[in-house]
Protein backbone atom coordinates (compact mmCIF):
# COMPACT_ATOMS: atom_id res chain seq x y z
CA MET A 1 4.90 33.35 13.16
CA LYS A 2 3.98 34.75 16.79
CA GLU A 3 3.31 32.44 19.31
CA TYR A 4 0.52 33.07 22.10
CA ARG A 5 0.56 32.11 25.46
CA THR A 6 -2.68 33.15 26.31
CA ILE A 7 -4.66 29.76 26.92
CA THR A 8 -7.45 30.63 29.34
CA GLN A 9 -9.59 27.51 29.39
CA ILE A 10 -9.70 23.79 27.98
CA ALA A 11 -12.94 22.17 27.36
CA GLY A 12 -12.94 18.94 25.55
CA PRO A 13 -11.22 18.95 22.60
CA LEU A 14 -11.47 22.71 22.59
CA VAL A 15 -8.64 25.34 23.70
CA PHE A 16 -9.68 28.90 24.38
CA VAL A 17 -7.02 31.57 23.38
CA GLU A 18 -7.34 35.14 24.42
CA LYS A 19 -5.89 38.60 22.81
CA THR A 20 -4.84 37.53 19.48
CA GLU A 21 -4.33 39.27 16.32
CA PRO A 22 -7.12 39.00 13.96
CA ILE A 23 -7.46 35.29 13.17
CA GLY A 24 -9.48 33.56 10.09
CA TYR A 25 -12.31 31.08 10.67
CA ALA A 26 -10.89 27.57 10.09
CA GLU A 27 -7.28 28.51 10.04
CA LEU A 28 -4.60 25.84 11.03
CA VAL A 29 -2.95 26.16 14.40
CA ASN A 30 0.16 24.72 15.92
CA ILE A 31 0.01 24.24 19.67
CA VAL A 32 3.71 23.77 21.04
CA LEU A 33 3.88 21.98 24.20
CA ALA A 34 6.36 22.64 27.17
CA ASP A 35 8.35 19.28 25.89
CA GLY A 36 8.61 20.70 22.68
CA THR A 37 5.63 18.59 21.11
CA ILE A 38 3.42 19.94 18.32
CA LYS A 39 -0.31 19.27 18.25
CA ARG A 40 -2.34 20.51 15.29
CA GLY A 41 -5.67 22.45 15.73
CA GLN A 42 -8.11 24.39 13.65
CA VAL A 43 -9.98 27.72 14.46
CA LEU A 44 -13.51 26.96 15.15
CA ASP A 45 -14.67 30.62 16.25
CA THR A 46 -12.93 33.92 16.10
CA SER A 47 -13.85 37.04 17.80
CA ASP A 48 -12.38 40.42 19.07
CA GLU A 49 -11.87 38.97 22.37
CA ILE A 50 -11.31 35.01 22.00
CA VAL A 51 -10.38 32.45 19.40
CA VAL A 52 -11.62 28.78 20.10
CA VAL A 53 -9.36 26.24 18.66
CA GLN A 54 -10.53 22.40 17.92
CA VAL A 55 -7.45 20.02 18.75
CA PHE A 56 -7.15 17.46 16.01
CA GLU A 57 -5.52 15.30 18.91
CA THR A 58 -5.87 14.78 22.53
CA THR A 59 -5.84 17.87 24.93
CA ALA A 60 -3.59 15.89 27.16
CA GLY A 61 -0.25 17.88 27.99
CA ILE A 62 -1.70 21.23 26.94
CA GLY A 63 -1.44 23.85 29.63
CA ARG A 64 -1.23 27.92 29.97
CA ASP A 65 2.13 27.70 29.42
CA SER A 66 1.88 26.09 25.90
CA GLY A 67 2.44 28.31 22.86
CA VAL A 68 -0.22 28.92 20.03
CA ARG A 69 0.76 29.65 16.53
CA PHE A 70 -1.63 30.60 13.80
CA THR A 71 -0.11 29.49 10.38
CA GLY A 72 -2.60 31.70 8.20
CA GLU A 73 -3.57 28.73 6.26
CA THR A 74 -6.51 26.39 6.06
CA ILE A 75 -6.57 22.48 5.91
CA LYS A 76 -5.49 21.60 2.35
CA MET A 77 -5.91 17.67 1.09
CA PRO A 78 -3.06 16.54 -1.08
CA VAL A 79 -4.41 15.10 -4.04
CA GLY A 80 -3.11 13.05 -6.94
CA ARG A 81 -3.90 10.14 -9.35
CA GLU A 82 -1.41 7.81 -7.27
CA MET A 83 -4.03 8.03 -4.32
CA LEU A 84 -6.10 5.53 -5.98
CA GLY A 85 -5.30 2.05 -4.18
CA ARG A 86 -4.27 3.61 -1.19
CA ILE A 87 -5.73 3.53 2.32
CA LEU A 88 -5.27 6.45 4.15
CA SER A 89 -6.31 7.50 8.07
CA GLY A 90 -9.08 9.82 8.90
CA GLY A 91 -6.82 12.85 8.90
CA GLY A 92 -5.43 12.03 5.46
CA LYS A 93 -1.91 10.20 6.41
CA PRO A 94 -1.16 6.77 4.57
CA ILE A 95 -1.53 3.73 6.74
CA ASP A 96 -1.00 0.94 4.42
CA GLY A 97 2.72 1.04 4.92
CA GLY A 98 2.95 2.91 1.60
CA PRO A 99 5.13 6.03 0.99
CA GLU A 100 3.73 9.62 1.25
CA ILE A 101 1.55 10.64 -1.41
CA VAL A 102 3.33 13.13 -3.96
CA PRO A 103 0.67 15.55 -4.31
CA GLU A 104 -0.27 17.09 -7.91
CA LYS A 105 -2.29 19.74 -6.07
CA ARG A 106 -3.24 20.52 -2.60
CA LEU A 107 -6.95 21.56 -2.17
CA ASP A 108 -8.76 23.38 0.37
CA ILE A 109 -11.33 20.58 2.38
CA THR A 110 -13.84 23.08 2.92
CA GLY A 111 -15.24 23.04 -0.69
CA ALA A 112 -18.53 24.27 -1.57
CA ALA A 113 -21.91 23.06 -2.84
CA ILE A 114 -22.50 22.82 -6.70
CA ASN A 115 -24.26 25.64 -7.54
CA PRO A 116 -27.47 24.88 -8.82
CA TYR A 117 -27.35 26.83 -12.24
CA ALA A 118 -23.96 24.56 -13.17
CA ARG A 119 -25.61 21.19 -12.18
CA HIS A 120 -26.46 18.83 -15.12
CA PRO A 121 -29.56 16.79 -14.45
CA PRO A 122 -28.57 13.38 -13.35
CA GLU A 123 -29.64 10.66 -15.78
CA GLU A 124 -27.19 7.85 -15.97
CA PHE A 125 -27.74 4.49 -14.55
CA ILE A 126 -25.46 3.17 -12.28
CA GLN A 127 -25.28 -0.74 -11.74
CA THR A 128 -24.67 -1.73 -8.08
CA GLY A 129 -25.43 -5.57 -8.76
CA ILE A 130 -27.94 -5.95 -6.11
CA SER A 131 -31.57 -6.37 -7.30
CA THR A 132 -33.42 -4.55 -4.72
CA ILE A 133 -31.58 -1.31 -5.65
CA ASP A 134 -31.05 -1.83 -9.28
CA GLY A 135 -34.53 -2.87 -9.88
CA MET A 136 -36.75 -0.70 -7.37
CA ASN A 137 -34.70 1.90 -6.09
CA THR A 138 -32.43 2.56 -9.34
CA LEU A 139 -28.96 4.77 -8.40
CA VAL A 140 -28.51 7.52 -10.92
CA ARG A 141 -24.95 9.19 -11.47
CA GLY A 142 -24.85 12.40 -9.58
CA GLN A 143 -27.38 11.24 -7.02
CA LYS A 144 -26.98 11.13 -3.25
CA LEU A 145 -28.92 8.09 -1.88
CA PRO A 146 -28.53 6.97 1.79
CA ILE A 147 -28.84 4.27 3.46
CA PHE A 148 -30.83 3.79 6.87
CA SER A 149 -29.90 1.16 8.75
CA GLY A 150 -29.76 0.20 12.39
CA ALA A 151 -27.07 -1.31 15.09
CA GLY A 152 -25.84 -4.57 14.20
CA LEU A 153 -27.43 -4.78 10.66
CA PRO A 154 -24.94 -5.74 7.81
CA HIS A 155 -24.68 -2.16 6.05
CA ASN A 156 -20.98 -2.43 5.97
CA ASP A 157 -21.18 -5.70 3.90
CA ILE A 158 -23.50 -3.82 1.76
CA ALA A 159 -21.44 -0.70 1.68
CA LEU A 160 -18.43 -3.09 0.78
CA GLN A 161 -20.55 -4.90 -2.15
CA ILE A 162 -21.87 -1.74 -3.65
CA ALA A 163 -18.34 -0.55 -3.47
CA ARG A 164 -16.81 -3.80 -5.47
CA GLN A 165 -19.64 -3.77 -7.91
CA SER A 166 -20.91 -0.33 -8.65
CA LYS A 167 -20.42 0.60 -12.50
CA VAL A 168 -21.81 2.66 -15.06
CA LEU A 169 -22.98 0.56 -18.04
CA GLY A 170 -21.66 0.87 -21.67
CA ALA A 171 -19.49 3.78 -20.27
CA LYS A 172 -15.74 3.90 -21.34
CA GLU A 173 -15.22 6.87 -18.67
CA SER A 174 -12.86 5.52 -15.61
CA PHE A 175 -14.77 4.71 -12.57
CA ALA A 176 -13.64 5.23 -8.85
CA VAL A 177 -14.69 4.80 -5.38
CA VAL A 178 -13.98 6.86 -2.52
CA PHE A 179 -14.69 4.95 0.93
CA ALA A 180 -14.57 6.94 4.09
CA ALA A 181 -15.60 5.06 7.54
CA MET A 182 -15.74 7.37 10.56
CA GLY A 183 -15.80 5.84 14.12
CA ILE A 184 -15.45 2.49 13.24
CA THR A 185 -13.58 -0.21 15.46
CA LYS A 186 -10.32 -1.79 14.67
CA GLU A 187 -11.94 -5.05 13.80
CA GLU A 188 -14.01 -3.09 11.40
CA ALA A 189 -11.37 -1.56 9.95
CA ASN A 190 -9.39 -4.62 9.30
CA HIS A 191 -12.68 -6.09 7.57
CA PHE A 192 -12.64 -3.11 5.29
CA MET A 193 -9.01 -3.39 4.53
CA ALA A 194 -9.14 -7.16 3.95
CA ASP A 195 -12.28 -6.99 1.80
CA PHE A 196 -10.72 -4.37 -0.42
CA GLU A 197 -7.46 -6.47 -1.04
CA ARG A 198 -9.14 -9.80 -1.26
CA THR A 199 -11.58 -8.51 -4.25
CA GLY A 200 -9.07 -6.28 -5.82
CA ALA A 201 -11.51 -3.38 -5.72
CA LEU A 202 -8.57 -1.44 -3.93
CA GLU A 203 -7.03 -0.61 -7.10
CA ARG A 204 -9.80 1.69 -8.09
CA ALA A 205 -10.48 3.03 -4.44
CA VAL A 206 -9.18 5.64 -2.14
CA VAL A 207 -10.04 4.59 1.71
CA PHE A 208 -10.12 6.74 4.72
CA LEU A 209 -10.24 5.02 8.02
CA ASN A 210 -11.03 7.11 11.02
CA LEU A 211 -11.10 4.54 14.30
CA ALA A 212 -13.57 4.96 17.11
CA ASP A 213 -10.45 5.82 19.50
CA ASP A 214 -9.36 8.45 17.11
CA PRO A 215 -10.50 12.23 18.24
CA ALA A 216 -13.80 13.23 17.66
CA VAL A 217 -12.50 16.38 15.99
CA GLU A 218 -10.67 13.95 13.37
CA ARG A 219 -14.18 12.84 12.37
CA ILE A 220 -15.52 16.08 11.40
CA ILE A 221 -12.96 16.28 8.68
CA THR A 222 -12.60 12.86 7.18
CA PRO A 223 -15.83 13.05 4.91
CA ARG A 224 -14.44 16.54 3.58
CA LEU A 225 -11.13 14.80 2.78
CA ALA A 226 -12.87 12.17 1.04
CA LEU A 227 -14.94 14.60 -0.93
CA THR A 228 -12.06 16.90 -1.86
CA THR A 229 -10.36 13.95 -3.12
CA ALA A 230 -13.51 12.88 -5.08
CA GLU A 231 -13.67 16.37 -6.54
CA TYR A 232 -10.23 16.35 -7.65
CA LEU A 233 -10.91 12.46 -9.41
CA ALA A 234 -14.18 13.63 -10.94
CA PHE A 235 -13.79 17.33 -12.10
CA THR A 236 -9.93 17.49 -12.72
CA LEU A 237 -9.20 13.78 -13.96
CA GLY A 238 -13.06 13.24 -15.34
CA MET A 239 -13.59 10.02 -13.55
CA HIS A 240 -17.01 8.93 -12.43
CA VAL A 241 -16.38 8.75 -8.61
CA LEU A 242 -18.64 6.88 -5.81
CA VAL A 243 -18.52 8.21 -2.76
CA ILE A 244 -19.57 5.97 0.38
CA LEU A 245 -19.53 7.62 3.61
CA THR A 246 -20.24 5.25 6.84
CA ASP A 247 -21.48 5.99 9.42
CA MET A 248 -22.92 9.34 9.10
CA THR A 249 -24.38 8.96 12.76
CA ASN A 250 -20.78 8.75 14.08
CA TYR A 251 -20.28 12.22 12.54
CA CYS A 252 -23.18 13.64 14.05
CA GLU A 253 -22.28 12.25 17.34
CA ALA A 254 -18.98 14.24 17.08
CA LEU A 255 -20.73 17.45 16.21
CA ARG A 256 -22.71 17.12 19.22
CA GLN A 257 -19.64 16.38 21.33
CA ILE A 258 -18.11 19.60 19.99
CA GLY A 259 -21.31 21.61 20.45
CA ALA A 260 -21.24 20.56 24.26
CA ALA A 261 -17.97 21.33 24.82
CA ARG A 262 -18.54 24.86 23.08
CA GLU A 263 -21.66 25.44 25.31
CA GLU A 264 -23.61 25.83 22.53
CA VAL A 265 -27.32 25.85 23.10
CA PRO A 266 -28.68 22.39 22.02
CA GLY A 267 -31.19 21.70 19.63
CA ARG A 268 -33.56 18.24 18.96
CA ARG A 269 -31.94 15.85 21.28
CA GLY A 270 -29.00 17.81 21.91
CA TYR A 271 -27.67 18.05 18.34
CA PRO A 272 -26.49 21.16 17.16
CA GLY A 273 -29.01 23.68 15.60
CA TYR A 274 -26.96 24.01 12.71
CA MET A 275 -26.64 20.37 11.91
CA TYR A 276 -29.02 20.65 8.86
CA THR A 277 -26.77 22.91 7.39
CA ASP A 278 -23.66 21.16 8.26
CA LEU A 279 -25.00 17.93 6.48
CA ALA A 280 -26.03 19.71 3.63
CA SER A 281 -22.53 21.18 3.10
CA ILE A 282 -21.51 17.75 2.95
CA TYR A 283 -24.45 16.07 0.66
CA GLU A 284 -24.63 18.79 -1.98
CA ARG A 285 -21.17 18.06 -2.87
CA ALA A 286 -22.59 15.43 -5.02
CA GLY A 287 -23.61 16.00 -8.74
CA VAL A 288 -22.83 16.38 -12.23
CA ILE A 289 -21.59 19.66 -13.60
CA HIS A 290 -22.21 21.00 -16.95
CA GLY A 291 -19.31 20.97 -19.49
CA MET A 292 -17.24 18.36 -17.26
CA SER A 293 -17.12 14.71 -18.10
CA GLY A 294 -16.72 13.51 -14.36
CA SER A 295 -19.32 13.06 -11.64
CA ILE A 296 -19.78 12.61 -7.88
CA THR A 297 -22.42 10.10 -6.52
CA GLN A 298 -22.97 9.85 -2.86
CA PHE A 299 -24.21 6.69 -0.79
CA PRO A 300 -24.19 7.91 2.80
CA ILE A 301 -24.84 5.35 5.38
CA LEU A 302 -26.08 6.27 8.75
CA THR A 303 -27.50 3.98 11.52
CA MET A 304 -30.57 5.05 13.26
CA PRO A 305 -30.66 5.22 16.93
CA GLY A 306 -33.36 2.67 18.32
CA ASP A 307 -34.35 1.94 14.73
CA ASP A 308 -35.98 5.13 14.81
CA ILE A 309 -36.58 6.71 11.20
CA THR A 310 -38.05 10.09 12.92
CA HIS A 311 -34.75 10.92 14.82
CA PRO A 312 -32.86 13.98 13.58
CA ILE A 313 -29.98 12.56 11.81
CA PRO A 314 -32.06 10.45 9.23
CA ASP A 315 -34.88 13.01 9.35
CA LEU A 316 -32.64 15.79 8.20
CA THR A 317 -30.55 13.44 5.88
CA GLY A 318 -34.01 12.72 4.01
CA TYR A 319 -34.91 16.16 3.51
CA ILE A 320 -31.55 17.11 1.70
CA THR A 321 -30.92 13.70 -0.17
CA GLU A 322 -32.89 12.11 -2.92
CA GLY A 323 -34.81 9.21 -1.51
CA GLN A 324 -33.19 6.11 0.94
CA ILE A 325 -32.46 2.93 1.23
CA VAL A 326 -33.71 1.23 4.16
CA ILE A 327 -32.56 -1.88 5.88
CA SER A 328 -34.86 -4.26 7.68
CA ARG A 329 -34.15 -5.70 10.92
CA GLU A 330 -37.31 -8.28 10.13
CA LEU A 331 -35.59 -9.31 6.83
CA HIS A 332 -32.26 -9.93 8.78
CA ARG A 333 -33.92 -11.89 11.63
CA LYS A 334 -35.14 -14.29 8.50
CA GLY A 335 -31.64 -14.82 7.37
CA ILE A 336 -31.95 -12.73 4.28
CA TYR A 337 -29.17 -10.76 2.67
CA PRO A 338 -29.00 -8.03 1.91
CA PRO A 339 -32.08 -7.02 4.23
CA ILE A 340 -33.10 -4.13 1.82
CA ASN A 341 -36.93 -3.32 2.71
CA VAL A 342 -38.32 -2.13 -0.74
CA LEU A 343 -41.50 -0.58 0.63
CA PRO A 344 -40.34 2.26 2.81
CA SER A 345 -37.28 2.70 0.44
CA LEU A 346 -37.41 4.92 -2.39
CA SER A 347 -35.07 6.80 -5.20
CA ARG A 348 -36.76 9.95 -6.33
CA LEU A 349 -34.34 10.14 -9.60
CA MET A 350 -35.19 6.61 -10.57
CA ASN A 351 -37.25 7.35 -13.54
CA LEU A 352 -34.55 9.70 -14.69
CA GLY A 353 -32.16 6.58 -15.14
CA ILE A 354 -34.27 3.69 -16.30
CA GLY A 355 -35.87 2.99 -19.56
CA GLU A 356 -35.40 1.90 -23.09
CA LYS A 357 -32.25 4.39 -23.40
CA HIS A 358 -30.72 3.23 -20.13
CA THR A 359 -31.65 -0.15 -18.66
CA ARG A 360 -34.77 -1.40 -20.39
CA GLU A 361 -38.23 -0.39 -21.66
CA ASP A 362 -39.90 -2.38 -19.19
CA HIS A 363 -38.43 -1.54 -16.03
CA LYS A 364 -40.47 0.83 -14.66
CA LYS A 365 -43.43 -1.27 -15.36
CA VAL A 366 -41.90 -4.47 -13.83
CA SER A 367 -40.77 -2.51 -10.66
CA ASP A 368 -44.19 -0.88 -10.06
CA GLN A 369 -45.92 -4.37 -10.69
CA LEU A 370 -43.40 -6.09 -8.30
CA TYR A 371 -43.89 -3.26 -5.59
CA ALA A 372 -47.77 -3.43 -5.62
CA ALA A 373 -47.86 -7.39 -5.74
CA TYR A 374 -45.20 -7.49 -2.40
CA ALA A 375 -47.27 -4.73 -0.68
CA GLU A 376 -50.41 -6.57 -0.89
CA GLY A 377 -48.74 -9.58 0.13
CA ASN A 378 -46.97 -8.22 3.19
CA ASP A 379 -50.42 -6.52 4.25
CA LEU A 380 -51.90 -9.77 4.18
CA ARG A 381 -49.53 -11.27 6.63
CA GLY A 382 -51.17 -8.81 9.51
CA LEU A 383 -54.47 -10.37 8.30
CA VAL A 384 -53.15 -14.04 8.89
CA ALA A 385 -52.01 -13.22 12.17
CA ILE A 386 -55.77 -12.43 12.92
CA VAL A 387 -57.99 -14.67 10.91
CA GLY A 388 -55.65 -17.45 10.02
CA LYS A 389 -54.46 -18.77 6.61
CA ASP A 390 -57.62 -20.87 6.05
CA ALA A 391 -59.86 -17.93 6.10
CA LEU A 392 -58.05 -15.76 2.96
CA SER A 393 -59.32 -16.11 -0.50
CA GLU A 394 -57.31 -18.15 -3.13
CA ARG A 395 -56.34 -14.57 -4.76
CA ASP A 396 -55.35 -13.47 -1.30
CA ARG A 397 -53.24 -16.75 -0.68
CA MET A 398 -51.53 -16.20 -3.93
CA PHE A 399 -50.22 -12.82 -3.20
CA LEU A 400 -49.25 -13.91 0.31
CA GLU A 401 -47.13 -16.67 -1.36
CA PHE A 402 -45.54 -14.22 -3.79
CA ALA A 403 -44.44 -12.13 -0.81
CA ASP A 404 -42.52 -14.98 0.64
CA LEU A 405 -41.15 -15.78 -2.75
CA PHE A 406 -40.22 -12.00 -3.69
CA GLU A 407 -38.07 -12.03 -0.53
CA ASP A 408 -36.52 -15.31 -1.10
CA ARG A 409 -35.57 -15.05 -4.57
CA PHE A 410 -35.47 -11.21 -5.77
CA VAL A 411 -34.38 -9.66 -2.32
CA ARG A 412 -32.01 -12.42 -1.14
CA GLN A 413 -28.45 -12.94 -3.17
CA GLY A 414 -25.04 -13.77 -2.08
CA LYS A 415 -22.55 -11.08 -0.74
CA ASP A 416 -20.61 -11.71 -4.23
CA GLU A 417 -23.64 -12.26 -6.37
CA ASN A 418 -23.60 -9.17 -9.08
CA ARG A 419 -26.72 -9.26 -10.86
CA ALA A 420 -27.01 -7.43 -14.31
CA ILE A 421 -29.82 -5.26 -14.75
CA THR A 422 -31.00 -7.68 -17.25
CA GLN A 423 -30.97 -10.60 -15.13
CA THR A 424 -32.80 -8.57 -12.11
CA LEU A 425 -35.61 -7.75 -14.61
CA ASP A 426 -35.73 -11.19 -16.08
CA LEU A 427 -35.92 -12.68 -12.26
CA GLY A 428 -39.02 -9.98 -11.72
CA TRP A 429 -40.64 -11.61 -14.68
CA GLU A 430 -40.39 -15.30 -13.26
CA LEU A 431 -41.73 -13.64 -9.98
CA LEU A 432 -44.67 -12.30 -11.65
CA ALA A 433 -45.22 -15.21 -13.88
CA THR A 434 -46.63 -16.92 -10.53
CA LEU A 435 -49.52 -14.63 -10.55
CA PRO A 436 -52.39 -14.75 -13.14
CA VAL A 437 -51.82 -12.34 -16.09
CA GLU A 438 -55.12 -10.45 -15.34
CA GLN A 439 -53.27 -9.45 -12.06
CA LEU A 440 -50.79 -7.78 -13.69
CA VAL A 441 -52.63 -4.70 -13.95
CA ARG A 442 -49.59 -1.99 -13.97
CA ILE A 443 -47.96 -3.50 -17.05
CA ASP A 444 -49.04 -2.83 -20.77
CA ARG A 445 -50.15 -5.85 -22.75
CA GLY A 446 -47.55 -5.20 -25.37
CA LEU A 447 -44.87 -5.36 -22.75
CA ILE A 448 -46.36 -8.66 -21.37
CA GLU A 449 -46.68 -10.68 -24.83
CA LYS A 450 -42.65 -9.34 -25.33
CA TYR A 451 -41.21 -10.56 -22.12
CA HIS A 452 -43.79 -12.66 -19.88
CA PRO A 453 -41.99 -16.23 -19.91
CA LYS A 454 -45.51 -17.76 -20.74
CA PHE A 455 -45.84 -15.89 -24.18
CA ARG A 456 -41.93 -15.68 -24.63
CA GLY A 457 -41.96 -19.20 -24.70
CA GLN A 458 -44.81 -19.43 -27.02
CA ARG A 459 -42.64 -17.12 -29.43
CA GLN A 460 -39.61 -19.22 -29.22
CA ALA A 461 -41.67 -22.52 -29.73
CA GLY A 462 -43.33 -20.79 -33.07
CA ALA A 463 -40.04 -19.48 -34.21
CA ALA A 464 -38.34 -22.85 -34.20
CA GLN A 465 -41.12 -24.45 -36.02
CA PRO A 466 -40.02 -24.93 -39.61
CA GLN A 467 -42.41 -23.13 -42.11
CA SER A 468 -44.30 -25.31 -44.62
CA VAL A 469 -43.54 -25.15 -48.09
CA LYS A 470 -46.43 -25.21 -50.96
CA GLY A 471 -45.23 -27.41 -54.07
């Protein structure tokens, strides 16, 4: 292996090397310091004149006399069934005190988006146990459904609850969770590890933790290591895998930092112009493939800077993914958990995974009616601030009270409360029963007579009465 001592420049996490042989993109690099210490890196850019290497650790100690060795290999993730139940660093090394992973395979982490022709349309319902998601923004197996949050909101608690509770109803196939955290604090990392161990969810999970004081470059490979692991579990072992990526904003900040070190022409708000393509290369690795029993479903989580949903990160994410779950600061101030605002939230694949064959025949209609009634009640809050509650009609006051009831009973639930989809739908009917039947204009009469508490009670009472016998 040749060793080059032609380093000309060091900028942030980047090392520039001149006069090399032809080098491949994403090739692994060993940098040998004067004291014999070896630091690892990866080729970020290559040309006839110069090769740009991004270093996975700090560049401290690297000088012009340091040797650069190109290995001829790309980064590969050692994968195997025994990864389940393990906690790894953002670089894929065990940090739980356990032994090194004995790999069944070593897979290139770059991966590829699933070929659209090979994709099988998502159609199976995944129950998260959270009513606002299951009932009104349903997650479907193979979907990518991001959570849009803000600084200081409990998106990590929601992520942990989803990781603990998610399952495919009625399926006998194995279900696993790959949890990748990027740029988190030591306190958050300890919280994640303690929660996984406390609840026993770690047994079916693989956890990657990239800390805030870890190199920014490592943050770039963490989601790719996680997705490579998920692809092995899904498409080799046939498992259904839920991938949770938090926080994609930290990932994008690392992209911006590296772009600045390369002196690239910045795009919107200083982020690289290729950020859309880069994010798509991560998100599009979710899906179901024809002829394969496994699947990958993604829950990327991102914090919107300044709660701005038009910021480039949520904006581009919204274009690539199939909807969004929006965390509300207003609901959080009211002490409601999980503070999910159903009005701006959306699951574009919801209709494929609900209904008689998947959840229950009344699911779509109940969801539409709850949404319409809550939206009307929420709009009336603005009117009350202007004219006062006494100026409202009786009908308006009824919808205003419904909005409060919806938030307090449907949205609010405990962090360990795992609601079945039937519980969620029955709770929806209980709330709708507070409105006159004639106001339920989005639900068919047949469904009202079958599921509405008023009519259901009448049927049960009628069924309980003994039939008279004519003598």
